[in-house]
N, C-alpha and C. Protein backbone atom coordinates (compact mmCIF):
# COMPACT_ATOMS: atom_id res chain seq x y z
N MET A 1 43.90 137.25 112.84
CA MET A 1 44.35 137.01 111.71
C MET A 1 43.23 136.12 110.88
N ILE A 2 42.80 136.51 109.57
CA ILE A 2 41.70 135.68 109.05
C ILE A 2 42.16 134.39 108.41
N ARG A 3 41.48 133.38 108.88
CA ARG A 3 42.02 131.94 108.12
C ARG A 3 40.92 131.45 107.43
N ALA A 4 39.74 131.82 107.34
CA ALA A 4 38.62 131.45 106.57
C ALA A 4 37.62 132.48 106.02
N VAL A 5 37.26 132.64 104.78
CA VAL A 5 36.35 133.30 104.43
C VAL A 5 35.01 132.55 103.98
N LEU A 6 33.89 132.94 104.59
CA LEU A 6 32.65 132.36 104.11
C LEU A 6 31.72 133.34 103.19
N PHE A 7 31.13 132.82 102.20
CA PHE A 7 30.25 133.48 101.32
C PHE A 7 28.91 133.19 101.60
N ASP A 8 28.04 134.23 101.57
CA ASP A 8 26.55 133.91 101.36
C ASP A 8 26.47 133.30 99.97
N LEU A 9 25.29 132.69 99.61
CA LEU A 9 25.18 132.28 98.14
C LEU A 9 24.44 133.22 97.31
N ASP A 10 22.98 133.19 97.81
CA ASP A 10 22.23 133.87 96.92
C ASP A 10 22.28 135.52 97.02
N GLU A 11 22.54 135.95 95.85
CA GLU A 11 22.68 137.33 95.58
C GLU A 11 24.36 137.87 95.73
N THR A 12 25.05 136.90 96.27
CA THR A 12 26.48 136.98 96.59
C THR A 12 27.34 136.31 95.32
N LEU A 13 27.21 135.05 95.38
CA LEU A 13 27.97 134.39 94.51
C LEU A 13 26.89 133.87 93.24
N PHE A 14 25.75 133.70 93.61
CA PHE A 14 24.61 133.14 92.61
C PHE A 14 23.76 134.31 92.38
N ASP A 15 23.35 134.52 91.10
CA ASP A 15 22.41 135.62 90.62
C ASP A 15 20.81 134.96 90.98
N HIS A 16 20.41 134.96 92.14
CA HIS A 16 19.18 134.62 92.43
C HIS A 16 18.11 135.43 91.86
N ARG A 17 18.30 136.83 91.81
CA ARG A 17 17.35 137.87 91.29
C ARG A 17 17.07 137.52 89.87
N GLY A 18 18.03 137.32 89.09
CA GLY A 18 18.13 136.99 87.66
C GLY A 18 17.42 135.86 87.45
N ALA A 19 17.45 134.62 88.12
CA ALA A 19 16.80 133.47 87.84
C ALA A 19 15.47 133.69 88.04
N VAL A 20 15.18 134.53 89.31
CA VAL A 20 13.67 134.59 89.60
C VAL A 20 13.02 135.35 88.44
N ALA A 21 13.79 136.58 88.21
CA ALA A 21 13.11 137.41 86.75
C ALA A 21 12.65 136.48 85.73
N HIS A 22 13.55 135.53 85.31
CA HIS A 22 13.29 134.75 84.24
C HIS A 22 12.00 133.78 84.70
N ALA A 23 12.26 133.28 85.91
CA ALA A 23 11.20 132.05 86.16
C ALA A 23 9.79 132.55 86.61
N ALA A 24 9.76 133.79 87.22
CA ALA A 24 8.34 134.25 87.56
C ALA A 24 7.60 134.68 86.34
N VAL A 25 8.18 135.22 85.60
CA VAL A 25 7.50 135.59 84.27
C VAL A 25 7.10 134.48 83.31
N ALA A 26 8.19 133.58 83.09
CA ALA A 26 7.98 132.37 82.41
C ALA A 26 6.76 131.44 82.99
N TRP A 27 6.77 131.38 84.38
CA TRP A 27 5.70 130.59 85.16
C TRP A 27 4.41 131.31 84.90
N THR A 28 4.36 132.65 85.21
CA THR A 28 2.99 133.17 84.74
C THR A 28 2.41 132.95 83.65
N ARG A 29 3.13 133.14 82.61
CA ARG A 29 2.81 132.87 81.28
C ARG A 29 2.16 131.64 80.74
N ALA A 30 2.95 130.55 81.55
CA ALA A 30 2.53 129.16 81.37
C ALA A 30 1.17 128.98 82.18
N LEU A 31 0.94 129.53 83.43
CA LEU A 31 -0.14 129.39 83.97
C LEU A 31 -1.41 130.21 83.50
N SER A 32 -1.09 131.11 82.82
CA SER A 32 -2.34 132.00 82.41
C SER A 32 -1.86 132.55 80.99
N PRO A 33 -1.91 131.92 79.79
CA PRO A 33 -1.11 132.29 78.54
C PRO A 33 -1.83 133.74 78.28
N GLY A 34 -3.14 134.03 78.41
CA GLY A 34 -3.42 135.35 78.05
C GLY A 34 -3.08 136.47 79.09
N HIS A 35 -2.52 136.20 80.11
CA HIS A 35 -2.12 137.24 81.19
C HIS A 35 -1.06 138.13 80.53
N LEU A 36 -1.48 139.40 80.61
CA LEU A 36 -0.40 140.42 80.21
C LEU A 36 0.79 140.42 81.10
N PRO A 37 2.08 140.26 80.56
CA PRO A 37 3.24 140.52 81.39
C PRO A 37 3.43 141.87 82.05
N ARG A 38 3.78 141.85 83.40
CA ARG A 38 4.01 143.01 84.11
C ARG A 38 5.49 143.18 84.56
N THR A 39 6.17 144.33 84.49
CA THR A 39 7.46 144.59 84.89
C THR A 39 7.72 144.25 86.29
N GLY A 40 6.51 144.40 87.20
CA GLY A 40 6.59 144.16 88.81
C GLY A 40 6.55 142.85 89.11
N ILE A 41 6.62 141.74 88.04
CA ILE A 41 6.32 140.50 88.56
C ILE A 41 7.62 139.84 89.27
N PRO A 42 8.84 140.15 88.91
CA PRO A 42 10.02 139.51 89.72
C PRO A 42 10.20 140.25 91.06
N ALA A 43 9.82 141.49 91.03
CA ALA A 43 9.86 142.20 92.31
C ALA A 43 8.69 141.87 93.37
N LEU A 44 7.58 141.45 92.76
CA LEU A 44 6.67 140.75 93.73
C LEU A 44 7.02 139.66 94.35
N TRP A 45 7.52 138.67 93.37
CA TRP A 45 7.96 137.21 93.91
C TRP A 45 8.97 137.65 94.84
N LEU A 46 10.15 138.48 94.79
CA LEU A 46 11.24 138.53 95.68
C LEU A 46 10.53 139.30 97.06
N ASP A 47 9.47 140.08 96.81
CA ASP A 47 8.96 140.48 98.28
C ASP A 47 8.35 139.37 99.02
N LEU A 48 7.69 138.61 98.28
CA LEU A 48 6.86 137.55 98.85
C LEU A 48 7.78 136.59 99.47
N GLU A 49 8.84 136.38 98.91
CA GLU A 49 9.99 135.55 99.76
C GLU A 49 10.46 136.26 100.94
N ARG A 50 10.78 137.46 100.74
CA ARG A 50 11.19 138.21 102.14
C ARG A 50 10.02 138.17 103.24
N ARG A 51 8.93 138.05 102.75
CA ARG A 51 7.49 138.13 103.75
C ARG A 51 7.42 136.61 104.51
N HIS A 52 7.55 135.70 103.67
CA HIS A 52 7.26 134.16 103.87
C HIS A 52 8.52 133.28 104.51
N LEU A 53 9.57 133.65 104.20
CA LEU A 53 10.81 132.89 104.56
C LEU A 53 10.95 132.89 106.11
N PRO A 54 10.70 134.17 106.70
CA PRO A 54 11.06 134.11 108.17
C PRO A 54 9.98 133.18 108.98
N ALA A 55 8.98 132.70 108.36
CA ALA A 55 8.12 131.74 109.12
C ALA A 55 8.65 130.50 109.27
N TRP A 56 9.38 130.26 108.11
CA TRP A 56 10.07 128.95 108.11
C TRP A 56 11.26 128.89 108.99
N HIS A 57 12.20 130.01 109.08
CA HIS A 57 13.27 130.13 109.88
C HIS A 57 12.63 129.97 111.17
N ALA A 58 11.74 130.61 111.65
CA ALA A 58 11.30 130.48 113.10
C ALA A 58 10.53 129.21 113.52
N GLY A 59 10.45 128.06 112.46
CA GLY A 59 9.91 127.04 112.67
C GLY A 59 8.42 126.96 112.99
N GLU A 60 7.58 128.22 112.34
CA GLU A 60 6.24 128.09 112.52
C GLU A 60 5.45 127.38 111.25
N CYS A 61 6.32 127.05 110.24
CA CYS A 61 5.81 126.07 109.29
C CYS A 61 6.97 125.46 108.45
N SER A 62 6.72 124.49 107.68
CA SER A 62 7.71 123.85 107.00
C SER A 62 8.10 124.73 105.84
N PHE A 63 9.15 124.14 105.18
CA PHE A 63 9.80 124.77 103.92
C PHE A 63 8.75 124.62 102.92
N ALA A 64 8.10 123.56 102.65
CA ALA A 64 7.17 123.43 101.55
C ALA A 64 5.93 124.30 101.79
N GLU A 65 5.47 124.53 102.95
CA GLU A 65 4.56 125.15 103.47
C GLU A 65 4.59 126.76 103.17
N GLN A 66 5.85 127.38 103.49
CA GLN A 66 6.16 128.76 103.09
C GLN A 66 6.16 128.96 101.48
N ARG A 67 6.51 127.89 100.90
CA ARG A 67 6.43 127.89 99.27
C ARG A 67 4.96 128.04 98.88
N ARG A 68 4.23 127.33 99.48
CA ARG A 68 2.63 127.31 99.19
C ARG A 68 1.91 128.69 99.58
N ARG A 69 2.36 129.20 100.69
CA ARG A 69 2.05 130.39 101.01
C ARG A 69 2.26 131.55 99.95
N ARG A 70 3.62 131.45 99.62
CA ARG A 70 4.10 132.50 98.68
C ARG A 70 3.33 132.28 97.22
N LEU A 71 2.79 131.12 96.97
CA LEU A 71 2.17 130.86 95.69
C LEU A 71 0.63 131.45 95.77
N ARG A 72 0.04 130.99 96.91
CA ARG A 72 -1.21 131.76 97.11
C ARG A 72 -1.27 133.04 97.12
N ASP A 73 -0.31 134.03 97.72
CA ASP A 73 -0.37 135.47 97.67
C ASP A 73 -0.08 135.92 96.24
N PHE A 74 0.85 135.27 95.52
CA PHE A 74 1.37 135.67 94.45
C PHE A 74 0.17 135.50 93.32
N CYS A 75 -0.61 134.49 93.36
CA CYS A 75 -1.73 134.33 92.58
C CYS A 75 -2.82 135.43 92.87
N HIS A 76 -3.10 135.49 94.12
CA HIS A 76 -4.08 136.55 94.59
C HIS A 76 -3.76 138.03 94.01
N LEU A 77 -2.52 138.35 94.16
CA LEU A 77 -2.07 139.68 93.94
C LEU A 77 -1.83 140.00 92.42
N MET A 78 -1.57 138.83 91.84
CA MET A 78 -1.71 138.90 90.31
C MET A 78 -2.81 138.66 89.62
N ARG A 79 -3.93 138.31 90.25
CA ARG A 79 -5.26 137.65 89.85
C ARG A 79 -5.09 136.63 88.80
N LEU A 80 -4.28 135.72 89.37
CA LEU A 80 -4.18 134.63 88.56
C LEU A 80 -4.89 133.37 89.15
N PRO A 81 -5.56 132.49 88.23
CA PRO A 81 -6.06 131.02 88.67
C PRO A 81 -5.18 130.43 89.92
N LEU A 82 -5.72 130.14 90.79
CA LEU A 82 -4.96 129.33 91.98
C LEU A 82 -4.86 127.86 91.52
N PRO A 83 -3.66 127.24 91.34
CA PRO A 83 -3.55 125.96 90.96
C PRO A 83 -4.16 125.11 91.98
N ALA A 84 -4.72 123.89 91.62
CA ALA A 84 -5.15 122.89 92.44
C ALA A 84 -4.32 122.22 93.15
N ASP A 85 -2.98 122.18 92.68
CA ASP A 85 -2.00 121.35 93.51
C ASP A 85 -0.73 122.42 93.49
N LEU A 86 -0.52 123.05 94.70
CA LEU A 86 0.33 123.97 94.80
C LEU A 86 1.78 123.45 94.81
N ASP A 87 2.01 122.44 95.30
CA ASP A 87 3.45 121.72 95.27
C ASP A 87 3.54 121.50 93.84
N ALA A 88 2.92 120.79 93.00
CA ALA A 88 3.14 120.68 91.49
C ALA A 88 3.48 121.89 90.71
N ALA A 89 2.70 123.16 91.23
CA ALA A 89 2.79 124.27 90.49
C ALA A 89 4.01 124.97 91.01
N TYR A 90 4.71 124.64 92.16
CA TYR A 90 5.81 125.25 92.37
C TYR A 90 7.09 124.34 91.67
N ALA A 91 6.88 123.30 91.66
CA ALA A 91 7.88 122.29 90.80
C ALA A 91 8.07 123.11 89.41
N ASP A 92 6.87 123.34 88.68
CA ASP A 92 6.89 123.82 87.67
C ASP A 92 7.76 125.19 87.62
N PHE A 93 7.32 125.91 88.54
CA PHE A 93 8.31 127.37 88.80
C PHE A 93 9.81 126.98 88.86
N LEU A 94 10.12 125.87 89.72
CA LEU A 94 11.36 125.74 89.89
C LEU A 94 12.20 125.12 88.59
N ARG A 95 11.55 124.40 87.77
CA ARG A 95 12.15 124.09 86.43
C ARG A 95 12.53 125.40 85.65
N HIS A 96 11.64 126.47 85.46
CA HIS A 96 12.20 127.70 85.06
C HIS A 96 13.25 128.32 85.84
N TYR A 97 13.06 128.36 87.16
CA TYR A 97 14.17 128.78 88.02
C TYR A 97 15.63 128.27 87.54
N GLU A 98 15.36 126.85 87.58
CA GLU A 98 16.93 126.09 87.55
C GLU A 98 17.39 126.41 86.25
N ALA A 99 16.61 126.47 85.19
CA ALA A 99 17.14 126.81 83.55
C ALA A 99 17.75 128.12 83.56
N ALA A 100 17.61 129.08 84.52
CA ALA A 100 18.50 130.44 84.45
C ALA A 100 19.32 130.68 85.55
N TRP A 101 19.83 129.46 86.19
CA TRP A 101 20.75 129.63 87.29
C TRP A 101 22.14 129.88 86.62
N THR A 102 22.82 130.83 87.24
CA THR A 102 24.05 131.54 86.79
C THR A 102 24.98 132.22 87.84
N ALA A 103 26.14 132.14 87.75
CA ALA A 103 26.92 133.05 88.88
C ALA A 103 27.03 134.32 88.42
N PHE A 104 27.54 135.31 89.44
CA PHE A 104 27.67 136.74 89.18
C PHE A 104 29.10 136.60 88.43
N PRO A 105 29.29 137.44 87.63
CA PRO A 105 30.64 137.56 86.76
C PRO A 105 31.64 137.80 87.71
N ASP A 106 31.68 138.49 88.92
CA ASP A 106 32.80 138.51 89.78
C ASP A 106 33.00 137.44 90.66
N ALA A 107 32.32 136.44 90.63
CA ALA A 107 32.58 135.12 91.51
C ALA A 107 33.61 134.43 91.38
N ALA A 108 33.93 133.75 90.22
CA ALA A 108 34.84 132.88 89.88
C ALA A 108 36.18 133.41 90.03
N GLY A 109 36.28 134.60 89.55
CA GLY A 109 37.77 135.35 89.57
C GLY A 109 38.04 135.74 90.92
N THR A 110 36.96 136.10 91.71
CA THR A 110 37.52 136.44 93.27
C THR A 110 37.91 135.33 93.96
N LEU A 111 37.21 133.91 94.07
CA LEU A 111 37.69 132.95 94.51
C LEU A 111 39.10 132.35 94.12
N ASP A 112 39.20 132.49 92.69
CA ASP A 112 40.53 132.32 92.04
C ASP A 112 41.65 133.25 92.78
N ALA A 113 41.36 134.36 92.85
CA ALA A 113 42.41 135.40 93.52
C ALA A 113 42.70 134.96 94.87
N LEU A 114 41.57 134.31 95.62
CA LEU A 114 41.89 134.11 96.83
C LEU A 114 42.55 132.64 97.29
N THR A 115 42.57 131.80 96.35
CA THR A 115 42.86 130.62 96.54
C THR A 115 44.57 130.63 96.38
N GLY A 116 45.23 129.83 97.35
CA GLY A 116 46.68 129.81 97.41
C GLY A 116 47.27 130.85 98.52
N ARG A 117 46.20 131.68 99.37
CA ARG A 117 46.48 132.34 100.21
C ARG A 117 46.52 131.56 101.65
N GLY A 118 46.06 130.31 101.69
CA GLY A 118 45.99 129.40 102.84
C GLY A 118 44.64 129.86 103.48
N LEU A 119 43.78 130.33 102.80
CA LEU A 119 42.47 130.34 103.44
C LEU A 119 41.58 129.20 103.11
N THR A 120 40.46 129.02 104.14
CA THR A 120 39.55 128.23 104.06
C THR A 120 38.47 129.09 103.31
N LEU A 121 37.95 128.43 102.07
CA LEU A 121 36.87 129.29 101.50
C LEU A 121 35.48 128.38 101.39
N GLY A 122 34.58 128.89 101.90
CA GLY A 122 33.32 128.09 102.14
C GLY A 122 31.91 128.85 101.95
N VAL A 123 30.97 128.29 102.12
CA VAL A 123 29.49 129.18 101.86
C VAL A 123 28.91 128.97 103.26
N LEU A 124 28.15 129.92 103.86
CA LEU A 124 27.27 129.99 104.85
C LEU A 124 25.93 130.67 104.51
N THR A 125 24.86 129.54 104.34
CA THR A 125 23.53 130.05 103.58
C THR A 125 22.52 129.65 104.34
N ASN A 126 21.50 130.39 104.40
CA ASN A 126 20.21 129.97 105.09
C ASN A 126 19.41 128.93 104.15
N GLY A 127 19.76 128.58 102.92
CA GLY A 127 18.99 127.67 102.03
C GLY A 127 19.03 126.23 102.42
N VAL A 128 18.49 125.52 101.73
CA VAL A 128 18.45 124.04 102.02
C VAL A 128 19.67 123.51 101.21
N PRO A 129 20.36 122.44 101.90
CA PRO A 129 21.57 122.05 101.38
C PRO A 129 21.49 121.16 100.02
N VAL A 130 20.37 120.56 99.51
CA VAL A 130 20.22 120.03 98.38
C VAL A 130 20.29 120.94 97.27
N GLN A 131 19.31 122.15 97.54
CA GLN A 131 19.44 123.11 96.38
C GLN A 131 20.56 123.98 96.24
N GLN A 132 21.01 124.14 97.36
CA GLN A 132 22.18 125.22 97.36
C GLN A 132 23.40 124.54 96.91
N GLU A 133 23.64 123.09 97.13
CA GLU A 133 24.87 122.56 96.50
C GLU A 133 24.48 122.28 95.01
N ALA A 134 23.20 122.12 94.69
CA ALA A 134 22.92 121.86 93.12
C ALA A 134 23.34 123.35 92.44
N LYS A 135 23.06 124.45 93.09
CA LYS A 135 23.28 125.59 92.53
C LYS A 135 24.76 125.75 92.11
N LEU A 136 25.62 125.64 93.24
CA LEU A 136 26.99 125.72 93.20
C LEU A 136 27.71 124.79 92.06
N ARG A 137 27.11 123.66 91.94
CA ARG A 137 27.56 122.61 90.83
C ARG A 137 27.21 123.08 89.52
N ARG A 138 26.09 123.66 89.38
CA ARG A 138 25.62 124.17 88.22
C ARG A 138 26.34 125.45 87.71
N ILE A 139 26.69 126.30 88.69
CA ILE A 139 27.40 127.51 88.25
C ILE A 139 29.02 127.22 88.25
N GLY A 140 29.22 126.05 88.61
CA GLY A 140 30.72 125.72 88.38
C GLY A 140 31.75 126.32 89.63
N LEU A 141 31.03 126.35 90.59
CA LEU A 141 31.76 126.89 91.95
C LEU A 141 32.12 125.79 93.02
N MET A 142 31.44 124.69 92.88
CA MET A 142 31.41 123.89 93.97
C MET A 142 32.96 123.27 94.26
N ASP A 143 33.71 123.12 93.33
CA ASP A 143 35.06 122.92 93.68
C ASP A 143 35.79 123.74 94.28
N ARG A 144 35.45 124.95 94.29
CA ARG A 144 36.05 126.10 95.00
C ARG A 144 35.89 126.39 96.31
N LEU A 145 34.82 125.56 96.80
CA LEU A 145 34.40 125.97 98.10
C LEU A 145 33.85 124.74 99.05
N ASP A 146 34.35 124.68 100.16
CA ASP A 146 34.32 123.44 101.18
C ASP A 146 34.73 124.12 102.50
N PRO A 147 33.69 124.11 103.49
CA PRO A 147 32.56 123.54 103.35
C PRO A 147 31.30 124.46 102.98
N VAL A 148 30.12 123.81 102.62
CA VAL A 148 29.03 124.55 102.38
C VAL A 148 28.06 124.33 103.67
N LEU A 149 27.82 125.25 104.40
CA LEU A 149 27.17 125.20 105.64
C LEU A 149 25.67 125.83 105.58
N THR A 150 24.86 124.90 105.96
CA THR A 150 23.40 125.19 105.97
C THR A 150 22.82 125.09 107.30
N PRO A 151 21.61 125.54 107.71
CA PRO A 151 20.94 125.39 108.90
C PRO A 151 20.78 124.07 109.24
N ASP A 152 20.65 123.12 108.24
CA ASP A 152 20.52 121.52 108.45
C ASP A 152 21.65 121.14 109.32
N ALA A 153 22.79 121.60 109.11
CA ALA A 153 23.98 121.04 109.89
C ALA A 153 24.26 121.98 110.92
N LEU A 154 23.73 123.10 110.91
CA LEU A 154 23.98 124.21 112.13
C LEU A 154 23.26 124.15 113.14
N GLY A 155 21.89 123.90 112.74
CA GLY A 155 20.71 124.14 113.87
C GLY A 155 20.30 125.47 114.14
N ALA A 156 20.72 126.39 113.25
CA ALA A 156 20.31 127.77 113.53
C ALA A 156 20.43 128.47 112.14
N PHE A 157 19.57 129.62 111.89
CA PHE A 157 19.65 130.41 110.75
C PHE A 157 20.40 131.70 111.12
N LYS A 158 21.09 132.27 109.96
CA LYS A 158 21.43 133.50 110.23
C LYS A 158 20.37 134.47 110.25
N PRO A 159 20.30 135.60 111.52
CA PRO A 159 21.41 136.19 112.13
C PRO A 159 21.49 135.61 113.57
N ALA A 160 20.94 134.40 113.83
CA ALA A 160 21.00 133.94 115.24
C ALA A 160 22.43 133.74 115.62
N PRO A 161 22.97 134.18 116.76
CA PRO A 161 24.32 133.80 117.19
C PRO A 161 24.72 132.26 117.06
N GLU A 162 23.83 131.69 117.45
CA GLU A 162 24.07 130.20 117.31
C GLU A 162 24.55 129.63 115.90
N CYS A 163 24.07 130.34 114.94
CA CYS A 163 24.50 129.89 113.51
C CYS A 163 25.90 130.24 113.21
N TYR A 164 26.49 131.35 113.59
CA TYR A 164 27.83 131.82 113.36
C TYR A 164 28.88 130.92 114.42
N LEU A 165 28.24 130.59 115.62
CA LEU A 165 29.28 129.88 116.34
C LEU A 165 29.33 128.35 115.96
N ALA A 166 28.24 127.92 115.44
CA ALA A 166 28.43 126.43 115.01
C ALA A 166 29.14 126.48 113.64
N ALA A 167 29.05 127.48 112.76
CA ALA A 167 29.95 127.57 111.71
C ALA A 167 31.50 127.49 112.30
N ALA A 168 31.63 128.51 113.01
CA ALA A 168 33.07 128.48 113.38
C ALA A 168 33.60 127.18 114.08
N ALA A 169 32.74 126.65 114.96
CA ALA A 169 32.91 125.20 115.50
C ALA A 169 33.32 124.12 114.18
N LYS A 170 32.37 124.16 113.26
CA LYS A 170 32.55 123.30 112.21
C LYS A 170 33.96 123.43 111.32
N LEU A 171 34.29 124.76 111.46
CA LEU A 171 35.64 124.88 110.82
C LEU A 171 36.81 124.81 111.61
N GLY A 172 36.51 124.37 112.89
CA GLY A 172 37.72 124.39 113.93
C GLY A 172 38.49 125.77 114.23
N LEU A 173 37.73 126.79 113.97
CA LEU A 173 38.50 128.06 114.27
C LEU A 173 37.62 128.99 115.15
N HIS A 174 38.28 129.97 115.83
CA HIS A 174 37.83 131.01 116.54
C HIS A 174 36.83 131.92 115.65
N PRO A 175 35.75 132.35 116.15
CA PRO A 175 34.86 133.38 115.36
C PRO A 175 35.78 134.55 114.88
N GLN A 176 36.74 135.12 115.72
CA GLN A 176 37.39 136.11 115.11
C GLN A 176 38.56 135.88 113.89
N GLU A 177 38.59 134.62 113.64
CA GLU A 177 39.42 134.11 112.33
C GLU A 177 38.72 133.97 111.20
N ILE A 178 37.29 134.28 111.28
CA ILE A 178 36.39 134.03 110.08
C ILE A 178 35.90 135.27 109.47
N LEU A 179 36.03 135.43 108.30
CA LEU A 179 35.35 136.66 107.68
C LEU A 179 33.95 136.07 106.82
N LEU A 180 32.83 136.92 107.09
CA LEU A 180 31.53 136.54 106.29
C LEU A 180 31.48 137.51 105.19
N VAL A 181 30.99 137.27 104.15
CA VAL A 181 30.75 138.24 103.02
C VAL A 181 29.32 137.84 102.66
N GLY A 182 28.61 139.00 102.38
CA GLY A 182 27.21 138.72 101.85
C GLY A 182 26.32 139.94 101.50
N ASP A 183 25.41 139.77 100.72
CA ASP A 183 24.58 141.03 100.31
C ASP A 183 23.36 141.31 101.22
N ASP A 184 23.32 140.77 102.37
CA ASP A 184 22.28 141.12 103.36
C ASP A 184 23.07 141.64 104.56
N ARG A 185 22.84 143.19 104.86
CA ARG A 185 23.68 143.71 105.61
C ARG A 185 23.54 143.07 107.10
N GLU A 186 22.48 142.79 107.50
CA GLU A 186 22.02 142.28 108.94
C GLU A 186 22.62 140.90 109.11
N LEU A 187 22.29 140.11 108.17
CA LEU A 187 22.64 138.70 108.28
C LEU A 187 23.96 138.31 108.02
N ASP A 188 24.50 139.15 106.91
CA ASP A 188 26.06 138.67 106.59
C ASP A 188 27.08 139.55 107.18
N ALA A 189 26.67 140.80 107.62
CA ALA A 189 27.85 141.90 108.01
C ALA A 189 27.92 142.26 109.34
N ILE A 190 26.43 142.51 109.88
CA ILE A 190 26.34 143.02 111.10
C ILE A 190 26.30 141.66 112.26
N GLY A 191 25.21 140.83 111.79
CA GLY A 191 24.99 139.48 112.73
C GLY A 191 26.31 138.97 113.11
N PRO A 192 27.19 138.67 112.23
CA PRO A 192 28.37 137.87 112.64
C PRO A 192 29.22 138.59 113.56
N THR A 193 29.20 139.95 113.45
CA THR A 193 30.28 140.85 114.52
C THR A 193 29.92 140.48 115.99
N ARG A 194 28.56 140.23 116.09
CA ARG A 194 27.97 140.13 117.63
C ARG A 194 28.63 138.90 118.20
N VAL A 195 29.26 137.98 117.58
CA VAL A 195 29.97 136.74 118.12
C VAL A 195 31.51 136.83 117.95
N GLY A 196 31.90 138.13 117.36
CA GLY A 196 33.34 138.24 117.23
C GLY A 196 33.74 138.03 115.68
N MET A 197 32.88 137.54 114.88
CA MET A 197 33.24 137.14 113.61
C MET A 197 33.35 138.42 112.78
N ARG A 198 34.09 138.66 111.53
CA ARG A 198 34.32 139.64 110.83
C ARG A 198 33.15 139.65 109.69
N GLY A 199 32.55 140.78 109.30
CA GLY A 199 31.61 140.72 108.37
C GLY A 199 31.87 141.87 107.19
N VAL A 200 31.74 141.46 105.85
CA VAL A 200 31.66 142.51 104.84
C VAL A 200 30.29 142.55 104.11
N TRP A 201 29.88 143.65 103.88
CA TRP A 201 28.61 143.85 103.33
C TRP A 201 28.78 144.09 101.73
N LEU A 202 28.37 143.22 101.01
CA LEU A 202 28.26 143.16 99.50
C LEU A 202 27.19 143.88 99.01
N ASP A 203 27.23 145.24 98.74
CA ASP A 203 26.15 146.02 98.25
C ASP A 203 26.01 146.39 96.83
N ARG A 204 25.44 145.18 96.22
CA ARG A 204 25.26 145.39 94.85
C ARG A 204 24.13 146.31 94.53
N PRO A 205 24.31 147.46 93.89
CA PRO A 205 23.19 148.49 93.92
C PRO A 205 21.96 147.73 93.13
N GLU A 206 22.27 147.11 92.21
CA GLU A 206 21.13 146.46 91.06
C GLU A 206 20.40 145.38 91.78
N THR A 207 20.57 144.96 93.10
CA THR A 207 19.80 143.87 93.47
C THR A 207 18.49 143.88 93.85
N GLY A 208 18.08 145.23 94.19
CA GLY A 208 16.85 145.67 94.59
C GLY A 208 16.65 145.29 96.27
N HIS A 209 17.71 144.92 97.02
CA HIS A 209 17.76 144.67 98.34
C HIS A 209 17.37 146.05 98.96
N PRO A 210 16.25 146.04 100.08
CA PRO A 210 16.11 147.15 100.74
C PRO A 210 17.28 148.13 101.36
N ASP A 211 18.26 147.52 101.57
CA ASP A 211 19.49 148.51 101.99
C ASP A 211 20.42 148.80 101.03
N ALA A 212 20.06 148.10 99.61
CA ALA A 212 21.11 148.39 98.48
C ALA A 212 21.29 150.00 98.24
N GLY A 213 22.66 150.50 98.10
CA GLY A 213 22.77 151.89 97.95
C GLY A 213 22.68 152.79 98.98
N HIS A 214 22.43 152.37 100.11
CA HIS A 214 22.37 153.31 101.25
C HIS A 214 23.38 152.88 102.23
N PRO A 215 24.73 153.14 101.99
CA PRO A 215 25.80 152.74 103.06
C PRO A 215 25.76 153.44 104.33
N ASP A 216 26.12 152.73 105.20
CA ASP A 216 26.21 153.30 106.70
C ASP A 216 27.68 153.33 106.90
N ARG A 217 28.24 154.65 107.03
CA ARG A 217 29.85 154.71 107.18
C ARG A 217 30.18 154.30 108.52
N GLN A 218 29.16 154.09 109.50
CA GLN A 218 29.60 153.65 110.95
C GLN A 218 29.50 152.17 110.96
N GLY A 219 28.97 151.66 109.92
CA GLY A 219 28.84 150.16 109.78
C GLY A 219 29.97 149.19 109.55
N PRO A 220 29.58 147.92 108.98
CA PRO A 220 30.77 147.22 108.67
C PRO A 220 31.27 147.43 107.55
N PRO A 221 32.54 147.05 106.89
CA PRO A 221 33.11 147.31 105.75
C PRO A 221 32.16 147.03 104.42
N ARG A 222 32.19 147.94 103.58
CA ARG A 222 31.15 147.78 102.44
C ARG A 222 31.94 147.68 100.97
N ILE A 223 31.55 146.64 100.35
CA ILE A 223 32.03 146.67 98.81
C ILE A 223 31.04 146.63 97.96
N THR A 224 31.23 146.97 96.61
CA THR A 224 30.02 146.89 95.79
C THR A 224 30.23 145.91 94.43
N SER A 225 31.53 145.34 94.73
CA SER A 225 31.74 144.09 93.89
C SER A 225 32.76 143.07 94.68
N LEU A 226 32.59 141.64 94.23
CA LEU A 226 33.38 140.87 94.93
C LEU A 226 34.82 141.12 94.65
N ARG A 227 35.01 141.74 93.41
CA ARG A 227 36.56 142.06 93.03
C ARG A 227 37.46 143.02 93.97
N GLU A 228 36.52 143.67 94.79
CA GLU A 228 37.40 144.42 95.69
C GLU A 228 37.61 143.64 96.97
N LEU A 229 37.34 142.43 97.12
CA LEU A 229 37.46 141.76 98.26
C LEU A 229 39.03 141.36 98.47
N PRO A 230 39.89 140.87 97.53
CA PRO A 230 41.19 140.45 97.65
C PRO A 230 41.92 141.55 98.24
N ALA A 231 41.84 142.98 97.81
CA ALA A 231 42.46 144.11 98.25
C ALA A 231 42.22 144.43 99.50
N LEU A 232 40.82 144.05 99.91
CA LEU A 232 40.37 144.45 101.27
C LEU A 232 41.03 143.56 102.38
N LEU A 233 41.28 142.29 102.07
CA LEU A 233 41.90 141.41 102.90
C LEU A 233 43.51 141.65 103.07
N GLY A 234 44.12 142.20 102.07
CA GLY A 234 45.36 142.60 101.98
C GLY A 234 46.42 141.61 101.57
């Protein structure tokens, strides 16, 4: 019996890709006003996220350092001048990013549809708590979700088994009583099953995730919108 549903945040409830698309273009124009805009700017930024975040997850560098590495690579590949103060430059990017924070259209309605079923509804994210909680407050979902579980509290990142087991312990539940929903097939749908937790893959075709639009019929349950989740739970 499912007693708790945990959601990933970025690209599941929160439109991270849309915010990045706005911020990366605005930041590039501000850094180099004469630079011609390119359609590939957001995709490059997201690709650099995927390349550099694992080093932070593995403890090889700090959260701030992986941001600096991304900026260096981004400026090099875009042939932009490298800012003298990378931390200040990233703070400028964040201002553009935060200005575009929004929830996916299917997020609030789905949470409302699950409320009243006796379920604990929370978040399990690999992000840092201050920023992830700020996102939830800005997009109006914070009062619908408790707890918000991050690696800071759990001591491990998805897809480490310790992450899912620590999340279950925080909820006071067995892993088999928890369903995790998210856009990353490995982190959110397959990884949790290794400790007995259930997983559902949210395969939004428009996200640009490498797995998007390529369903594995032998794999975990797949939905293309959060609106399908209440019926899936029964």
